[in-house]
Amino acid sequence: MYGFLKKFQTAVKDTVKIQETYEANPLGESLKTVLSQKSGRSAFRDFLKLEFCEENLEFWLACQEYRSFDSLEEQTQIAASIYEEFVREGSPKQVNLDSYTRETIRQSLEEPGSSCFAVAERKIFILMENCSFPRFTETEPYKLFINSLSKQRGLKKKRTAVRIKSPVEDFKVNPLLLVSKD
């Protein structure tokens, strides 16, 4: 009987360790996490508008969408549109890119591929990640987003914990009967 109790206690300890590990992971501490959620993108976009740099996010999202087109004709049209709106010197929503990157994109417009904007997209992401995002994490909308994300993940965590505790069923004993009589 003692060996049985020891196995049960080990299963419970393992469950607690898994739960603690999950809870210790920071929720939403990266820009990728924020941008992966519709509510996060919306809150970040609103913040960028206040900072007068929402064109960075718009450009990044346009590049994400651009890669989803398979047709060369569509890619050519969309690439030209992105270039005119965000990349061309003096464009209405010009993003902060060096002249070399701008020229490389301009030359690739003749035969744009899926990686036409890859370097510029990465540079703008890094710019948002290092400049705007740290300030965004200090705002109330960010904190509300993290709280809602925590609640969503909390529900998933509870479901996971139930699955983890299921090995108790292998013991063929009601766990309530394992209460110590000290």
Foldseek 3Di string as FASTA:
>chain_A
DVVLVVVLVVLVVVLVVVLVVVVPDQFPPFPVNLVVDPLSLVLLLVLVVVVVQSLLVVLLVLLVVLLVDDDQVSNLVSLVVSCQQEQDVPHPNHDDDDPVLSVQLVVCSVRPDNCSCVVVSVVSSVVCRPPVVVVSCPDPSVVVVRVVRVVVVVVVSVVVSVVSSVCVVVSVDDVVVVDDPD
